[in-house]
Amino acid sequence: MGIEEQNHAKKRYGNKPVRYGSKLFRYGNNGRRYGNKIVQKNVTGINQCDTGANCSVTGATGIVTGTKSCETRYENKIEK
């Protein structure tokens, strides 16, 4: 779903979850929800995984390590 459809759905439905096809789009909290997996856009651009306190994941910027607990999976990729 492109940016135009996202803006249209946001104007029409606000921050309520909007279902397009098989994906559930949720606006607000700087993230989107696909089904039961929360995909949030990280403002710092660091990919974090949900494997534990010390996370390392190979992303667009290479291997990134973090020291925070990772309950939510982050990805900084642009939606196609």
PDB file of N, CA and C in Angstrom:
ATOM      1  N   MET A   1       0.850  -1.178   0.000  1.00  0.00           N
ATOM      2  CA  MET A   1       0.000   0.000   0.000  1.00  0.00           C
ATOM      3  C   MET A   1       0.886   1.228   0.000  1.00  0.00           C
ATOM      4  N   GLY A   2       0.599   2.121  -0.923  1.00  0.00           N
ATOM      5  CA  GLY A   2       1.463   3.277  -1.072  1.00  0.00           C
ATOM      6  C   GLY A   2       1.120   4.389  -0.098  1.00  0.00           C
ATOM      7  N   ILE A   3       1.865   5.470  -0.233  1.00  0.00           N
ATOM      8  CA  ILE A   3       1.689   6.603   0.676  1.00  0.00           C
ATOM      9  C   ILE A   3       0.321   7.250   0.461  1.00  0.00           C
ATOM     10  N   GLU A   4      -0.135   7.290  -0.793  1.00  0.00           N
ATOM     11  CA  GLU A   4      -1.418   7.936  -1.045  1.00  0.00           C
ATOM     12  C   GLU A   4      -2.549   7.185  -0.358  1.00  0.00           C
ATOM     13  N   GLU A   5      -2.518   5.841  -0.448  1.00  0.00           N
ATOM     14  CA  GLU A   5      -3.561   5.063   0.205  1.00  0.00           C
ATOM     15  C   GLU A   5      -3.452   5.182   1.716  1.00  0.00           C
ATOM     16  N   GLN A   6      -2.235   5.281   2.225  1.00  0.00           N
ATOM     17  CA  GLN A   6      -2.069   5.430   3.667  1.00  0.00           C
ATOM     18  C   GLN A   6      -2.685   6.752   4.132  1.00  0.00           C
ATOM     19  N   ASN A   7      -2.413   7.825   3.389  1.00  0.00           N
ATOM     20  CA  ASN A   7      -2.951   9.116   3.785  1.00  0.00           C
ATOM     21  C   ASN A   7      -4.467   9.121   3.673  1.00  0.00           C
ATOM     22  N   HIS A   8      -4.984   8.463   2.622  1.00  0.00           N
ATOM     23  CA  HIS A   8      -6.433   8.401   2.453  1.00  0.00           C
ATOM     24  C   HIS A   8      -7.067   7.646   3.610  1.00  0.00           C
ATOM     25  N   ALA A   9      -6.479   6.514   3.983  1.00  0.00           N
ATOM     26  CA  ALA A   9      -7.034   5.727   5.072  1.00  0.00           C
ATOM     27  C   ALA A   9      -6.907   6.476   6.393  1.00  0.00           C
ATOM     28  N   LYS A  10      -5.817   7.224   6.543  1.00  0.00           N
ATOM     29  CA  LYS A  10      -5.635   7.967   7.785  1.00  0.00           C
ATOM     30  C   LYS A  10      -6.681   9.072   7.898  1.00  0.00           C
ATOM     31  N   LYS A  11      -6.975   9.736   6.772  1.00  0.00           N
ATOM     32  CA  LYS A  11      -8.005  10.774   6.816  1.00  0.00           C
ATOM     33  C   LYS A  11      -9.374  10.165   7.094  1.00  0.00           C
ATOM     34  N   ARG A  12      -9.620   8.990   6.533  1.00  0.00           N
ATOM     35  CA  ARG A  12     -10.959   8.429   6.629  1.00  0.00           C
ATOM     36  C   ARG A  12     -11.193   7.736   7.964  1.00  0.00           C
ATOM     37  N   TYR A  13     -10.191   7.018   8.434  1.00  0.00           N
ATOM     38  CA  TYR A  13     -10.377   6.191   9.615  1.00  0.00           C
ATOM     39  C   TYR A  13      -9.638   6.712  10.844  1.00  0.00           C
ATOM     40  N   GLY A  14      -8.772   7.689  10.707  1.00  0.00           N
ATOM     41  CA  GLY A  14      -8.019   8.175  11.848  1.00  0.00           C
ATOM     42  C   GLY A  14      -6.970   7.173  12.276  1.00  0.00           C
ATOM     43  N   ASN A  15      -6.826   6.953  13.577  1.00  0.00           N
ATOM     44  CA  ASN A  15      -5.797   6.060  14.087  1.00  0.00           C
ATOM     45  C   ASN A  15      -6.321   4.661  14.361  1.00  0.00           C
ATOM     46  N   LYS A  16      -7.532   4.360  13.914  1.00  0.00           N
ATOM     47  CA  LYS A  16      -8.061   3.015  14.119  1.00  0.00           C
ATOM     48  C   LYS A  16      -7.381   2.051  13.150  1.00  0.00           C
ATOM     49  N   PRO A  17      -7.285   0.771  13.508  1.00  0.00           N
ATOM     50  CA  PRO A  17      -6.713  -0.200  12.575  1.00  0.00           C
ATOM     51  C   PRO A  17      -7.557  -0.295  11.302  1.00  0.00           C
ATOM     52  N   VAL A  18      -6.891  -0.323  10.175  1.00  0.00           N
ATOM     53  CA  VAL A  18      -7.556  -0.369   8.884  1.00  0.00           C
ATOM     54  C   VAL A  18      -7.076  -1.622   8.163  1.00  0.00           C
ATOM     55  N   ARG A  19      -8.012  -2.418   7.671  1.00  0.00           N
ATOM     56  CA  ARG A  19      -7.626  -3.647   6.991  1.00  0.00           C
ATOM     57  C   ARG A  19      -7.676  -3.433   5.480  1.00  0.00           C
ATOM     58  N   TYR A  20      -6.532  -3.648   4.837  1.00  0.00           N
ATOM     59  CA  TYR A  20      -6.449  -3.634   3.392  1.00  0.00           C
ATOM     60  C   TYR A  20      -5.979  -5.010   2.965  1.00  0.00           C
ATOM     61  N   GLY A  21      -6.838  -5.785   2.366  1.00  0.00           N
ATOM     62  CA  GLY A  21      -6.434  -7.121   1.962  1.00  0.00           C
ATOM     63  C   GLY A  21      -6.195  -7.987   3.183  1.00  0.00           C
ATOM     64  N   SER A  22      -5.022  -8.591   3.250  1.00  0.00           N
ATOM     65  CA  SER A  22      -4.707  -9.465   4.369  1.00  0.00           C
ATOM     66  C   SER A  22      -3.861  -8.770   5.424  1.00  0.00           C
ATOM     67  N   LYS A  23      -3.517  -7.508   5.214  1.00  0.00           N
ATOM     68  CA  LYS A  23      -2.672  -6.792   6.170  1.00  0.00           C
ATOM     69  C   LYS A  23      -3.526  -5.845   6.995  1.00  0.00           C
ATOM     70  N   LEU A  24      -3.209  -5.759   8.262  1.00  0.00           N
ATOM     71  CA  LEU A  24      -3.911  -4.842   9.158  1.00  0.00           C
ATOM     72  C   LEU A  24      -2.996  -3.658   9.415  1.00  0.00           C
ATOM     73  N   PHE A  25      -3.412  -2.484   8.962  1.00  0.00           N
ATOM     74  CA  PHE A  25      -2.584  -1.298   9.087  1.00  0.00           C
ATOM     75  C   PHE A  25      -3.051  -0.507  10.291  1.00  0.00           C
ATOM     76  N   ARG A  26      -2.123  -0.091  11.090  1.00  0.00           N
ATOM     77  CA  ARG A  26      -2.442   0.651  12.301  1.00  0.00           C
ATOM     78  C   ARG A  26      -1.611   1.930  12.272  1.00  0.00           C
ATOM     79  N   TYR A  27      -2.277   3.049  12.504  1.00  0.00           N
ATOM     80  CA  TYR A  27      -1.601   4.330  12.461  1.00  0.00           C
ATOM     81  C   TYR A  27      -1.416   4.846  13.875  1.00  0.00           C
ATOM     82  N   GLY A  28      -0.368   5.604  14.086  1.00  0.00           N
ATOM     83  CA  GLY A  28      -0.046   6.115  15.400  1.00  0.00           C
ATOM     84  C   GLY A  28       1.078   5.315  16.026  1.00  0.00           C
ATOM     85  N   ASN A  29       1.634   5.813  17.090  1.00  0.00           N
ATOM     86  CA  ASN A  29       2.753   5.209  17.816  1.00  0.00           C
ATOM     87  C   ASN A  29       3.969   5.010  16.920  1.00  0.00           C
ATOM     88  N   ASN A  30       4.044   5.766  15.824  1.00  0.00           N
ATOM     89  CA  ASN A  30       5.191   5.718  14.919  1.00  0.00           C
ATOM     90  C   ASN A  30       5.432   4.309  14.405  1.00  0.00           C
ATOM     91  N   GLY A  31       4.374   3.557  14.179  1.00  0.00           N
ATOM     92  CA  GLY A  31       4.570   2.191  13.718  1.00  0.00           C
ATOM     93  C   GLY A  31       3.357   1.672  12.986  1.00  0.00           C
ATOM     94  N   ARG A  32       3.488   0.457  12.490  1.00  0.00           N
ATOM     95  CA  ARG A  32       2.401  -0.190  11.785  1.00  0.00           C
ATOM     96  C   ARG A  32       2.273  -1.610  12.306  1.00  0.00           C
ATOM     97  N   ARG A  33       1.072  -2.160  12.231  1.00  0.00           N
ATOM     98  CA  ARG A  33       0.821  -3.500  12.737  1.00  0.00           C
ATOM     99  C   ARG A  33       0.400  -4.399  11.577  1.00  0.00           C
ATOM    100  N   TYR A  34       1.107  -5.496  11.401  1.00  0.00           N
ATOM    101  CA  TYR A  34       0.761  -6.493  10.408  1.00  0.00           C
ATOM    102  C   TYR A  34       0.261  -7.717  11.161  1.00  0.00           C
ATOM    103  N   GLY A  35      -1.049  -7.919  11.202  1.00  0.00           N
ATOM    104  CA  GLY A  35      -1.569  -9.058  11.926  1.00  0.00           C
ATOM    105  C   GLY A  35      -1.257  -8.914  13.398  1.00  0.00           C
ATOM    106  N   ASN A  36      -0.532  -9.875  13.965  1.00  0.00           N
ATOM    107  CA  ASN A  36      -0.165  -9.787  15.370  1.00  0.00           C
ATOM    108  C   ASN A  36       1.302  -9.399  15.548  1.00  0.00           C
ATOM    109  N   LYS A  37       2.017  -9.112  14.465  1.00  0.00           N
ATOM    110  CA  LYS A  37       3.415  -8.695  14.563  1.00  0.00           C
ATOM    111  C   LYS A  37       3.475  -7.188  14.425  1.00  0.00           C
ATOM    112  N   ILE A  38       4.016  -6.530  15.427  1.00  0.00           N
ATOM    113  CA  ILE A  38       4.122  -5.072  15.399  1.00  0.00           C
ATOM    114  C   ILE A  38       5.415  -4.702  14.676  1.00  0.00           C
ATOM    115  N   VAL A  39       5.302  -3.868  13.665  1.00  0.00           N
ATOM    116  CA  VAL A  39       6.457  -3.362  12.935  1.00  0.00           C
ATOM    117  C   VAL A  39       6.502  -1.872  13.178  1.00  0.00           C
ATOM    118  N   GLN A  40       7.486  -1.430  13.930  1.00  0.00           N
ATOM    119  CA  GLN A  40       7.609  -0.013  14.225  1.00  0.00           C
ATOM    120  C   GLN A  40       8.792   0.570  13.473  1.00  0.00           C
ATOM    121  N   LYS A  41       8.621   1.816  13.074  1.00  0.00           N
ATOM    122  CA  LYS A  41       9.698   2.530  12.402  1.00  0.00           C
ATOM    123  C   LYS A  41      10.565   3.165  13.470  1.00  0.00           C
ATOM    124  N   ASN A  42      11.822   2.753  13.511  1.00  0.00           N
ATOM    125  CA  ASN A  42      12.729   3.263  14.523  1.00  0.00           C
ATOM    126  C   ASN A  42      13.319   4.576  14.025  1.00  0.00           C
ATOM    127  N   VAL A  43      13.211   5.628  14.829  1.00  0.00           N
ATOM    128  CA  VAL A  43      13.660   6.940  14.384  1.00  0.00           C
ATOM    129  C   VAL A  43      15.184   7.017  14.352  1.00  0.00           C
ATOM    130  N   THR A  44      15.862   6.159  15.132  1.00  0.00           N
ATOM    131  CA  THR A  44      17.313   6.227  15.146  1.00  0.00           C
ATOM    132  C   THR A  44      17.928   5.414  14.015  1.00  0.00           C
ATOM    133  N   GLY A  45      17.129   4.594  13.323  1.00  0.00           N
ATOM    134  CA  GLY A  45      17.647   3.837  12.194  1.00  0.00           C
ATOM    135  C   GLY A  45      18.446   2.623  12.581  1.00  0.00           C
ATOM    136  N   ILE A  46      18.268   2.107  13.799  1.00  0.00           N
ATOM    137  CA  ILE A  46      19.004   0.923  14.239  1.00  0.00           C
ATOM    138  C   ILE A  46      18.029  -0.243  14.279  1.00  0.00           C
ATOM    139  N   ASN A  47      18.410  -1.330  13.644  1.00  0.00           N
ATOM    140  CA  ASN A  47      17.563  -2.505  13.649  1.00  0.00           C
ATOM    141  C   ASN A  47      17.760  -3.265  14.951  1.00  0.00           C
ATOM    142  N   GLN A  48      16.653  -3.633  15.586  1.00  0.00           N
ATOM    143  CA  GLN A  48      16.722  -4.429  16.798  1.00  0.00           C
ATOM    144  C   GLN A  48      15.844  -5.645  16.631  1.00  0.00           C
ATOM    145  N   CYS A  49      16.266  -6.747  17.236  1.00  0.00           N
ATOM    146  CA  CYS A  49      15.502  -7.977  17.150  1.00  0.00           C
ATOM    147  C   CYS A  49      14.949  -8.308  18.525  1.00  0.00           C
ATOM    148  N   ASP A  50      14.091  -9.334  18.585  1.00  0.00           N
ATOM    149  CA  ASP A  50      13.419  -9.677  19.825  1.00  0.00           C
ATOM    150  C   ASP A  50      14.000 -10.965  20.408  1.00  0.00           C
ATOM    151  N   THR A  51      15.337 -11.030  20.480  1.00  0.00           N
ATOM    152  CA  THR A  51      15.970 -12.255  20.948  1.00  0.00           C
ATOM    153  C   THR A  51      16.482 -12.143  22.369  1.00  0.00           C
ATOM    154  N   GLY A  52      16.519 -10.961  22.959  1.00  0.00           N
ATOM    155  CA  GLY A  52      16.998 -10.867  24.325  1.00  0.00           C
ATOM    156  C   GLY A  52      17.556  -9.502  24.625  1.00  0.00           C
ATOM    157  N   ALA A  53      18.363  -9.432  25.684  1.00  0.00           N
ATOM    158  CA  ALA A  53      18.889  -8.143  26.109  1.00  0.00           C
ATOM    159  C   ALA A  53      19.935  -7.634  25.137  1.00  0.00           C
ATOM    160  N   ASN A  54      20.836  -8.509  24.682  1.00  0.00           N
ATOM    161  CA  ASN A  54      21.860  -8.103  23.722  1.00  0.00           C
ATOM    162  C   ASN A  54      21.433  -8.590  22.356  1.00  0.00           C
ATOM    163  N   CYS A  55      21.108  -7.652  21.479  1.00  0.00           N
ATOM    164  CA  CYS A  55      20.556  -8.003  20.179  1.00  0.00           C
ATOM    165  C   CYS A  55      21.568  -7.679  19.094  1.00  0.00           C
ATOM    166  N   SER A  56      21.642  -8.559  18.123  1.00  0.00           N
ATOM    167  CA  SER A  56      22.446  -8.284  16.932  1.00  0.00           C
ATOM    168  C   SER A  56      21.671  -8.805  15.736  1.00  0.00           C
ATOM    169  N   VAL A  57      21.532  -7.971  14.733  1.00  0.00           N
ATOM    170  CA  VAL A  57      20.774  -8.350  13.545  1.00  0.00           C
ATOM    171  C   VAL A  57      21.471  -7.754  12.338  1.00  0.00           C
ATOM    172  N   THR A  58      21.413  -8.475  11.230  1.00  0.00           N
ATOM    173  CA  THR A  58      22.002  -7.989   9.991  1.00  0.00           C
ATOM    174  C   THR A  58      20.925  -7.265   9.207  1.00  0.00           C
ATOM    175  N   GLY A  59      21.114  -5.990   9.018  1.00  0.00           N
ATOM    176  CA  GLY A  59      20.125  -5.181   8.321  1.00  0.00           C
ATOM    177  C   GLY A  59      20.745  -4.456   7.160  1.00  0.00           C
ATOM    178  N   ALA A  60      20.082  -3.368   6.769  1.00  0.00           N
ATOM    179  CA  ALA A  60      20.567  -2.595   5.630  1.00  0.00           C
ATOM    180  C   ALA A  60      21.888  -1.909   5.947  1.00  0.00           C
ATOM    181  N   THR A  61      22.155  -1.677   7.243  1.00  0.00           N
ATOM    182  CA  THR A  61      23.382  -0.988   7.619  1.00  0.00           C
ATOM    183  C   THR A  61      24.427  -1.951   8.163  1.00  0.00           C
ATOM    184  N   GLY A  62      24.215  -3.247   7.961  1.00  0.00           N
ATOM    185  CA  GLY A  62      25.177  -4.224   8.457  1.00  0.00           C
ATOM    186  C   GLY A  62      24.732  -4.794   9.785  1.00  0.00           C
ATOM    187  N   ILE A  63      25.665  -5.264  10.572  1.00  0.00           N
ATOM    188  CA  ILE A  63      25.358  -5.880  11.856  1.00  0.00           C
ATOM    189  C   ILE A  63      25.295  -4.790  12.917  1.00  0.00           C
ATOM    190  N   VAL A  64      24.175  -4.723  13.590  1.00  0.00           N
ATOM    191  CA  VAL A  64      23.947  -3.694  14.605  1.00  0.00           C
ATOM    192  C   VAL A  64      23.737  -4.401  15.933  1.00  0.00           C
ATOM    193  N   THR A  65      24.426  -3.944  16.950  1.00  0.00           N
ATOM    194  CA  THR A  65      24.270  -4.533  18.274  1.00  0.00           C
ATOM    195  C   THR A  65      23.617  -3.509  19.192  1.00  0.00           C
ATOM    196  N   GLY A  66      22.803  -4.005  20.106  1.00  0.00           N
ATOM    197  CA  GLY A  66      22.145  -3.123  21.054  1.00  0.00           C
ATOM    198  C   GLY A  66      22.206  -3.719  22.441  1.00  0.00           C
ATOM    199  N   THR A  67      22.047  -2.887  23.446  1.00  0.00           N
ATOM    200  CA  THR A  67      22.096  -3.345  24.829  1.00  0.00           C
ATOM    201  C   THR A  67      20.733  -3.271  25.502  1.00  0.00           C
ATOM    202  N   LYS A  68      19.727  -2.731  24.809  1.00  0.00           N
ATOM    203  CA  LYS A  68      18.406  -2.635  25.403  1.00  0.00           C
ATOM    204  C   LYS A  68      17.688  -3.968  25.261  1.00  0.00           C
ATOM    205  N   SER A  69      16.697  -4.181  26.103  1.00  0.00           N
ATOM    206  CA  SER A  69      15.854  -5.355  25.933  1.00  0.00           C
ATOM    207  C   SER A  69      14.951  -5.115  24.737  1.00  0.00           C
ATOM    208  N   CYS A  70      14.802  -6.132  23.924  1.00  0.00           N
ATOM    209  CA  CYS A  70      14.108  -5.982  22.651  1.00  0.00           C
ATOM    210  C   CYS A  70      12.812  -6.766  22.705  1.00  0.00           C
ATOM    211  N   GLU A  71      11.733  -6.119  23.130  1.00  0.00           N
ATOM    212  CA  GLU A  71      10.440  -6.790  23.101  1.00  0.00           C
ATOM    213  C   GLU A  71       9.748  -6.594  21.766  1.00  0.00           C
ATOM    214  N   THR A  72      10.111  -5.547  21.027  1.00  0.00           N
ATOM    215  CA  THR A  72       9.451  -5.225  19.778  1.00  0.00           C
ATOM    216  C   THR A  72      10.470  -5.292  18.665  1.00  0.00           C
ATOM    217  N   ARG A  73      10.054  -5.860  17.558  1.00  0.00           N
ATOM    218  CA  ARG A  73      10.932  -5.952  16.400  1.00  0.00           C
ATOM    219  C   ARG A  73      10.870  -4.640  15.622  1.00  0.00           C
ATOM    220  N   TYR A  74      12.033  -4.060  15.366  1.00  0.00           N
ATOM    221  CA  TYR A  74      12.100  -2.799  14.656  1.00  0.00           C
ATOM    222  C   TYR A  74      12.682  -3.041  13.276  1.00  0.00           C
ATOM    223  N   GLU A  75      12.211  -2.292  12.325  1.00  0.00           N
ATOM    224  CA  GLU A  75      12.875  -2.293  11.038  1.00  0.00           C
ATOM    225  C   GLU A  75      12.713  -0.924  10.417  1.00  0.00           C
ATOM    226  N   ASN A  76      13.763  -0.496   9.737  1.00  0.00           N
ATOM    227  CA  ASN A  76      13.772   0.848   9.179  1.00  0.00           C
ATOM    228  C   ASN A  76      13.731   0.783   7.659  1.00  0.00           C
ATOM    229  N   LYS A  77      12.899  -0.090   7.129  1.00  0.00           N
ATOM    230  CA  LYS A  77      12.795  -0.227   5.688  1.00  0.00           C
ATOM    231  C   LYS A  77      11.550   0.501   5.203  1.00  0.00           C
ATOM    232  N   ILE A  78      11.621   1.009   3.985  1.00  0.00           N
ATOM    233  CA  ILE A  78      10.484   1.704   3.403  1.00  0.00           C
ATOM    234  C   ILE A  78       9.518   0.666   2.841  1.00  0.00           C
ATOM    235  N   GLU A  79       8.263   0.845   3.144  1.00  0.00           N
ATOM    236  CA  GLU A  79       7.251  -0.118   2.711  1.00  0.00           C
ATOM    237  C   GLU A  79       7.046  -0.016   1.211  1.00  0.00           C
ATOM    238  N   LYS A  80       6.955  -1.161   0.566  1.00  0.00           N
ATOM    239  CA  LYS A  80       6.758  -1.200  -0.890  1.00  0.00           C
ATOM    240  C   LYS A  80       5.274  -1.232  -1.198  1.00  0.00           C
TER     241      LYS A  80
END
